Amino acid sequence: MSREPVVAVAGATGAVGVELLRCLERRNFPVRELRLLASSRSKGKQLPFRGQPVTVDELTESQFEGVDIAFFSAGGKISKAFVPKAVERGAVVVDNSSAFRMDPQVPLVIPEINPEAIREHHGIIANPNCSTIIAITPLWPIHQVNRIRRLIVTTYQAASGAGAAAMRELIESTHAYLHDKPYQPTILPHPYAFNLFSHNSAIDACTGYNEEEIKMIRETAKIWNDPEVRVAATCVRVPVLRAHSESLVFECESPITPDEVRAIIHHAPGVRLVDRVAENYFPMPRDASGQDDILVGRIRRDLSDPSGRSIALFVCGDQLLKGAALNAVQIAEHLLSRQ
């Protein structure tokens, strides 16, 4: 792979695609040539990159000829159809969909946790689910010091997780609600303004868990390389435009104190401590939006566990950045650094 690769972005006009371009530019990622790809509806649109407009082309197999790195953020169906074709043409793909995450031949990578897994790729590297990234990145340094045996997570997921169309639907439905006008949702299954509901992914009839929850359970075990970690998840969509929030309660092998957790988090990469107890100021999606770091706070002992091995905390992270685009660009940076 060239030190100045030819880069393609599939799904360039979507919410994550736009953030990918911003991340590549902001982090001075070396790009010899940039190809922006999307559906036929977006062909001919122009997106800015390093002060110049770049025209969007239609996503076709031939567009990957000569591409070194291809970022995919166009959904699982598109990834299944086009990722193998891109790999056949010599590209290394960083895929943001769920299409290949649990494939044993595909590394599932958070660079702060398992960058060494990148070496094992066979042309595809999977970006984890946004909720998984935001939950387990701050927990990983704790897990290394005092193994986490069990995690209970409840998510408060923003509209950004469902894409730009869902963000528009939240804005439009809120405006309609405030002006006492009817509004029929078309992107999400329930009214969004001033409401919250179980995550809009399919529910497994046997377990009662939805797909988002199952992803968090399975992906955590794979990324941590710890099949024995026990995870229970409840995923909820909330009327927030951007940045996911999550309540985490975890149990360690040995007793651990809130001060020990704060000390570990303080020095951990990719996270920032926001735990101003006296001010009752803790992580909020408003503060996390547009930030690379995952905010961590409300660190306290789980009083339901008399053994002293359990901690409760609260995290917020930008789903479009560390939960998607930023993590993908970090993976690509590791790819180049290994050349």
Protein backbone atom coordinates (compact mmCIF):
# COMPACT_ATOMS: atom_id res chain seq x y z
CA MET A 1 0.00 0.00 0.00
CA SER A 2 1.25 3.45 -0.91
CA ARG A 3 2.11 5.94 1.82
CA GLU A 4 -0.27 8.25 -0.04
CA PRO A 5 -3.12 5.89 -0.84
CA VAL A 6 -6.01 6.18 -3.23
CA VAL A 7 -9.04 6.39 -0.95
CA ALA A 8 -12.69 5.64 -1.69
CA VAL A 9 -15.65 6.46 0.53
CA ALA A 10 -18.83 4.50 -0.18
CA GLY A 11 -21.85 6.22 1.32
CA ALA A 12 -20.09 9.57 1.12
CA THR A 13 -23.24 11.70 1.30
CA GLY A 14 -24.60 10.09 4.48
CA ALA A 15 -24.08 11.41 7.98
CA VAL A 16 -21.11 9.11 8.68
CA GLY A 17 -19.65 9.64 5.20
CA VAL A 18 -19.59 13.39 5.69
CA GLU A 19 -17.85 12.96 9.05
CA LEU A 20 -15.34 10.60 7.45
CA LEU A 21 -14.28 13.35 5.06
CA ARG A 22 -13.96 15.82 7.92
CA CYS A 23 -11.88 13.36 9.94
CA LEU A 24 -9.57 12.61 7.02
CA GLU A 25 -9.06 16.33 6.51
CA ARG A 26 -8.72 17.28 10.17
CA ARG A 27 -6.23 14.51 10.91
CA ASN A 28 -4.18 15.24 7.75
CA PHE A 29 -4.63 11.71 6.46
CA PRO A 30 -2.48 11.32 3.33
CA VAL A 31 -4.66 11.00 0.25
CA ARG A 32 -3.30 10.83 -3.28
CA GLU A 33 -6.74 10.53 -4.85
CA LEU A 34 -10.23 10.62 -3.29
CA ARG A 35 -13.24 8.88 -4.81
CA LEU A 36 -16.64 9.70 -3.33
CA LEU A 37 -19.29 7.08 -4.05
CA ALA A 38 -23.01 6.92 -3.35
CA SER A 39 -26.29 5.87 -4.92
CA SER A 40 -27.36 7.10 -8.36
CA ARG A 41 -29.52 9.72 -6.62
CA SER A 42 -26.42 11.47 -5.32
CA LYS A 43 -24.36 11.25 -8.50
CA GLY A 44 -23.04 14.67 -9.47
CA LYS A 45 -23.27 16.19 -6.00
CA GLN A 46 -20.15 17.89 -4.71
CA LEU A 47 -18.64 17.66 -1.25
CA PRO A 48 -15.79 19.82 0.06
CA PHE A 49 -12.42 18.29 0.86
CA ARG A 50 -9.33 20.35 1.69
CA GLY A 51 -10.83 23.45 0.20
CA GLN A 52 -11.81 21.85 -3.08
CA PRO A 53 -15.13 20.39 -4.30
CA VAL A 54 -15.11 16.66 -5.04
CA THR A 55 -17.82 15.22 -7.27
CA VAL A 56 -19.76 12.18 -6.10
CA ASP A 57 -19.89 9.22 -8.49
CA GLU A 58 -22.29 6.32 -8.55
CA LEU A 59 -21.18 3.30 -6.55
CA THR A 60 -20.13 0.59 -9.01
CA GLU A 61 -17.61 -2.25 -8.92
CA SER A 62 -15.28 -0.54 -11.39
CA GLN A 63 -14.82 2.45 -9.06
CA PHE A 64 -12.53 0.33 -6.86
CA GLU A 65 -9.88 -0.27 -9.53
CA GLY A 66 -6.62 1.09 -8.12
CA VAL A 67 -8.11 1.91 -4.70
CA ASP A 68 -5.88 1.22 -1.69
CA ILE A 69 -8.30 1.94 1.19
CA ALA A 70 -12.08 1.90 0.92
CA PHE A 71 -14.33 3.15 3.70
CA PHE A 72 -17.87 1.74 3.61
CA SER A 73 -20.75 3.49 5.40
CA ALA A 74 -23.67 2.62 3.17
CA GLY A 75 -25.41 -0.12 5.18
CA GLY A 76 -25.07 -3.87 5.47
CA LYS A 77 -26.83 -4.75 2.22
CA ILE A 78 -24.50 -2.54 0.17
CA SER A 79 -21.45 -3.81 2.05
CA LYS A 80 -22.32 -7.44 1.37
CA ALA A 81 -22.71 -6.67 -2.33
CA PHE A 82 -19.68 -4.44 -2.92
CA VAL A 83 -17.06 -5.07 -0.21
CA PRO A 84 -15.91 -8.43 -1.67
CA LYS A 85 -15.67 -6.78 -5.11
CA ALA A 86 -13.51 -3.98 -3.70
CA VAL A 87 -11.22 -6.51 -1.99
CA GLU A 88 -10.90 -8.51 -5.23
CA ARG A 89 -9.59 -5.34 -6.86
CA GLY A 90 -6.91 -4.91 -4.21
CA ALA A 91 -8.51 -2.53 -1.73
CA VAL A 92 -8.39 -2.91 2.03
CA VAL A 93 -11.90 -2.18 3.28
CA VAL A 94 -12.82 -0.60 6.61
CA ASP A 95 -16.51 -1.43 6.89
CA ASN A 96 -18.86 0.44 9.21
CA SER A 97 -21.82 -1.92 8.79
CA SER A 98 -22.65 -5.08 10.74
CA ALA A 99 -22.17 -7.27 7.66
CA PHE A 100 -18.80 -8.78 8.60
CA ARG A 101 -18.35 -7.99 12.30
CA MET A 102 -18.85 -11.51 13.60
CA ASP A 103 -17.05 -13.24 10.74
CA PRO A 104 -14.14 -15.07 12.42
CA GLN A 105 -11.89 -14.13 9.50
CA VAL A 106 -12.58 -10.40 9.92
CA PRO A 107 -10.90 -8.36 12.68
CA LEU A 108 -13.30 -6.22 14.72
CA VAL A 109 -11.19 -3.30 15.88
CA ILE A 110 -11.16 -0.44 18.33
CA PRO A 111 -7.60 0.95 18.05
CA GLU A 112 -7.41 1.85 21.75
CA ILE A 113 -8.17 -1.79 22.58
CA ASN A 114 -6.97 -4.28 19.97
CA PRO A 115 -4.89 -2.59 17.24
CA GLU A 116 -2.81 -5.75 16.87
CA ALA A 117 -5.86 -7.46 15.32
CA ILE A 118 -5.43 -5.27 12.23
CA ARG A 119 -2.48 -7.45 11.20
CA GLU A 120 -4.82 -10.41 10.81
CA HIS A 121 -7.01 -8.87 8.13
CA HIS A 122 -7.71 -10.57 4.80
CA GLY A 123 -8.85 -7.42 3.06
CA ILE A 124 -11.70 -6.47 5.43
CA ILE A 125 -11.58 -4.78 8.83
CA ALA A 126 -14.86 -4.21 10.64
CA ASN A 127 -15.79 -1.10 12.60
CA PRO A 128 -17.77 -2.13 15.70
CA ASN A 129 -21.26 -0.98 16.55
CA CYS A 130 -21.30 2.60 17.83
CA SER A 131 -22.86 1.66 21.18
CA THR A 132 -20.23 -1.03 21.71
CA ILE A 133 -17.38 1.39 21.02
CA ILE A 134 -18.73 4.02 23.40
CA ALA A 135 -19.33 1.47 26.16
CA ILE A 136 -16.18 -0.63 26.17
CA THR A 137 -13.44 1.82 25.17
CA PRO A 138 -13.45 3.45 28.63
CA LEU A 139 -13.87 0.05 30.31
CA TRP A 140 -10.91 -1.58 28.59
CA PRO A 141 -8.15 -0.01 30.75
CA ILE A 142 -10.11 -1.06 33.84
CA HIS A 143 -10.49 -4.57 32.42
CA GLN A 144 -6.71 -4.78 31.99
CA VAL A 145 -6.09 -3.88 35.65
CA ASN A 146 -9.00 -5.74 37.26
CA ARG A 147 -10.85 -8.10 34.92
CA ILE A 148 -14.50 -7.18 34.34
CA ARG A 149 -16.65 -10.28 34.71
CA ARG A 150 -20.07 -8.78 34.10
CA LEU A 151 -21.47 -5.64 32.43
CA ILE A 152 -25.01 -4.27 32.52
CA VAL A 153 -25.54 -1.47 30.01
CA THR A 154 -28.49 0.76 29.18
CA THR A 155 -28.13 3.02 26.16
CA TYR A 156 -29.75 6.35 25.37
CA GLN A 157 -29.17 6.54 21.62
CA ALA A 158 -29.41 9.70 19.56
CA ALA A 159 -31.02 10.17 16.17
CA SER A 160 -27.57 10.30 14.57
CA GLY A 161 -27.34 6.54 15.01
CA ALA A 162 -30.13 6.12 12.46
CA GLY A 163 -28.57 8.55 9.98
CA ALA A 164 -29.20 12.01 8.61
CA ALA A 165 -32.82 11.24 7.72
CA ALA A 166 -33.64 10.35 11.33
CA MET A 167 -31.99 13.55 12.52
CA ARG A 168 -34.20 15.53 10.14
CA GLU A 169 -37.24 13.60 11.35
CA LEU A 170 -36.48 14.54 14.96
CA ILE A 171 -36.18 18.23 14.04
CA GLU A 172 -39.32 18.23 11.91
CA SER A 173 -41.43 16.26 14.40
CA THR A 174 -40.31 18.51 17.26
CA HIS A 175 -41.30 21.60 15.27
CA ALA A 176 -44.69 20.03 14.49
CA TYR A 177 -45.24 19.05 18.13
CA LEU A 178 -44.45 22.55 19.40
CA HIS A 179 -46.87 24.05 16.88
CA ASP A 180 -49.60 21.48 17.60
CA LYS A 181 -49.45 20.08 14.07
CA PRO A 182 -49.78 16.42 13.04
CA TYR A 183 -46.64 14.60 11.98
CA GLN A 184 -46.38 11.08 10.55
CA PRO A 185 -42.96 9.46 11.08
CA THR A 186 -41.45 7.75 8.07
CA ILE A 187 -37.93 6.83 9.21
CA LEU A 188 -38.52 5.60 12.75
CA PRO A 189 -41.46 3.44 13.85
CA HIS A 190 -42.78 5.73 16.61
CA PRO A 191 -43.28 9.45 17.21
CA TYR A 192 -39.86 10.83 18.11
CA ALA A 193 -40.43 14.30 19.57
CA PHE A 194 -40.65 14.25 23.38
CA ASN A 195 -40.67 10.47 23.34
CA LEU A 196 -38.34 7.51 23.75
CA PHE A 197 -38.72 3.90 22.70
CA SER A 198 -36.94 0.59 22.45
CA HIS A 199 -34.25 0.62 19.78
CA ASN A 200 -35.77 0.26 16.32
CA SER A 201 -34.04 -3.00 15.40
CA ALA A 202 -35.70 -6.39 15.12
CA ILE A 203 -36.41 -8.31 18.31
CA ASP A 204 -35.42 -11.95 18.60
CA ALA A 205 -38.52 -13.91 19.60
CA CYS A 206 -36.53 -16.44 21.62
CA THR A 207 -34.43 -14.12 23.78
CA GLY A 208 -36.47 -10.90 23.74
CA TYR A 209 -33.32 -8.93 22.88
CA ASN A 210 -33.19 -6.65 19.86
CA GLU A 211 -30.40 -6.71 17.29
CA GLU A 212 -28.63 -3.70 18.79
CA GLU A 213 -28.46 -5.40 22.17
CA ILE A 214 -27.21 -8.68 20.69
CA LYS A 215 -24.50 -6.77 18.82
CA MET A 216 -23.21 -5.26 22.06
CA ILE A 217 -23.12 -8.65 23.76
CA ARG A 218 -21.31 -10.49 20.96
CA GLU A 219 -18.98 -7.69 19.90
CA THR A 220 -17.70 -7.06 23.42
CA ALA A 221 -16.61 -10.70 23.75
CA LYS A 222 -14.88 -10.63 20.35
CA ILE A 223 -13.06 -7.32 20.78
CA TRP A 224 -11.91 -8.13 24.32
CA ASN A 225 -11.09 -11.70 23.26
CA ASP A 226 -12.97 -12.80 26.37
CA PRO A 227 -15.82 -15.22 25.62
CA GLU A 228 -16.63 -15.48 29.34
CA VAL A 229 -17.54 -11.83 29.88
CA ARG A 230 -21.26 -11.56 30.68
CA VAL A 231 -23.14 -8.65 29.14
CA ALA A 232 -26.78 -7.60 29.45
CA ALA A 233 -27.95 -4.69 27.33
CA THR A 234 -31.07 -2.55 26.99
CA CYS A 235 -30.95 -0.18 24.01
CA VAL A 236 -33.29 2.80 23.82
CA ARG A 237 -33.73 5.56 21.24
CA VAL A 238 -34.04 9.02 22.82
CA PRO A 239 -34.90 12.43 21.25
CA VAL A 240 -31.33 13.72 21.12
CA LEU A 241 -29.85 14.81 17.80
CA ARG A 242 -26.28 13.65 18.25
CA ALA A 243 -24.10 11.64 20.68
CA HIS A 244 -25.11 8.48 22.49
CA SER A 245 -25.24 8.19 26.28
CA GLU A 246 -24.91 4.96 28.24
CA SER A 247 -25.33 3.85 31.82
CA LEU A 248 -22.81 1.16 32.73
CA VAL A 249 -22.66 -1.08 35.79
CA PHE A 250 -19.75 -3.51 35.83
CA GLU A 251 -18.47 -6.15 38.22
CA CYS A 252 -14.74 -6.85 38.53
CA GLU A 253 -12.92 -9.95 39.78
CA SER A 254 -11.54 -8.08 42.79
CA PRO A 255 -12.82 -5.16 44.87
CA ILE A 256 -12.34 -1.77 43.23
CA THR A 257 -13.03 1.78 44.39
CA PRO A 258 -14.39 4.80 42.50
CA ASP A 259 -11.08 6.61 43.09
CA GLU A 260 -9.17 3.74 41.49
CA VAL A 261 -11.48 3.91 38.48
CA ARG A 262 -11.02 7.68 38.20
CA ALA A 263 -7.24 7.27 38.29
CA ILE A 264 -7.34 4.67 35.51
CA ILE A 265 -9.70 6.73 33.34
CA HIS A 266 -7.62 9.86 33.84
CA HIS A 267 -4.68 8.31 31.98
CA ALA A 268 -6.62 6.27 29.40
CA PRO A 269 -6.48 7.09 25.67
CA GLY A 270 -9.62 8.22 23.85
CA VAL A 271 -11.57 9.15 26.98
CA ARG A 272 -11.97 12.22 29.16
CA LEU A 273 -13.05 12.39 32.77
CA VAL A 274 -16.07 14.64 33.42
CA ASP A 275 -16.89 13.91 37.03
CA ARG A 276 -17.48 17.22 38.83
CA VAL A 277 -19.48 15.88 41.76
CA ALA A 278 -19.77 19.14 43.71
CA GLU A 279 -21.34 20.84 40.68
CA ASN A 280 -23.50 17.84 39.72
CA TYR A 281 -21.84 18.11 36.30
CA PHE A 282 -21.34 14.88 34.42
CA PRO A 283 -21.20 13.67 30.78
CA MET A 284 -23.95 15.04 28.54
CA PRO A 285 -24.59 14.44 24.83
CA ARG A 286 -24.49 18.19 24.26
CA ASP A 287 -20.90 18.29 25.50
CA ALA A 288 -19.88 15.09 23.70
CA SER A 289 -21.19 16.21 20.29
CA GLY A 290 -18.33 17.04 17.96
CA GLN A 291 -15.72 15.66 20.38
CA ASP A 292 -13.30 12.84 19.66
CA ASP A 293 -13.08 11.69 23.27
CA ILE A 294 -15.68 9.63 25.10
CA LEU A 295 -16.78 11.48 28.24
CA VAL A 296 -16.86 9.46 31.48
CA GLY A 297 -18.37 10.40 34.84
CA ARG A 298 -20.86 9.67 37.62
CA ILE A 299 -18.36 7.13 38.91
CA ARG A 300 -19.71 5.56 42.07
CA ARG A 301 -19.83 2.30 43.96
CA ASP A 302 -22.72 -0.01 43.10
CA LEU A 303 -24.41 -0.13 46.48
CA SER A 304 -26.32 -3.29 45.56
CA ASP A 305 -23.04 -5.25 45.59
CA PRO A 306 -21.70 -5.58 49.18
CA SER A 307 -18.51 -7.23 47.90
CA GLY A 308 -17.19 -3.88 46.61
CA ARG A 309 -16.43 -5.32 43.17
CA SER A 310 -19.01 -3.31 41.22
CA ILE A 311 -18.97 0.25 39.87
CA ALA A 312 -21.65 2.36 38.17
CA LEU A 313 -20.77 5.14 35.76
CA PHE A 314 -22.16 7.17 32.85
CA VAL A 315 -20.60 7.81 29.45
CA CYS A 316 -21.37 9.95 26.39
CA GLY A 317 -19.74 9.71 22.99
CA ASP A 318 -20.30 11.16 19.55
CA GLN A 319 -21.80 8.33 17.53
CA LEU A 320 -20.74 9.89 14.23
CA LEU A 321 -17.13 10.35 15.36
CA LYS A 322 -15.64 7.80 17.76
CA GLY A 323 -18.71 5.63 17.26
CA ALA A 324 -18.16 5.50 13.49
CA ALA A 325 -16.04 7.80 11.30
CA LEU A 326 -13.17 8.55 13.68
CA ASN A 327 -12.71 4.91 14.65
CA ALA A 328 -12.58 3.97 10.94
CA VAL A 329 -9.96 6.62 10.18
CA GLN A 330 -7.89 5.52 13.17
CA ILE A 331 -7.93 1.98 11.79
CA ALA A 332 -6.70 3.30 8.42
CA GLU A 333 -3.94 5.26 10.17
CA HIS A 334 -2.73 2.02 11.77
CA LEU A 335 -2.80 0.36 8.36
CA LEU A 336 -0.46 3.01 6.96
CA SER A 337 1.82 2.96 9.99
CA ARG A 338 2.43 -0.76 9.46
CA GLN A 339 3.67 -0.33 5.89
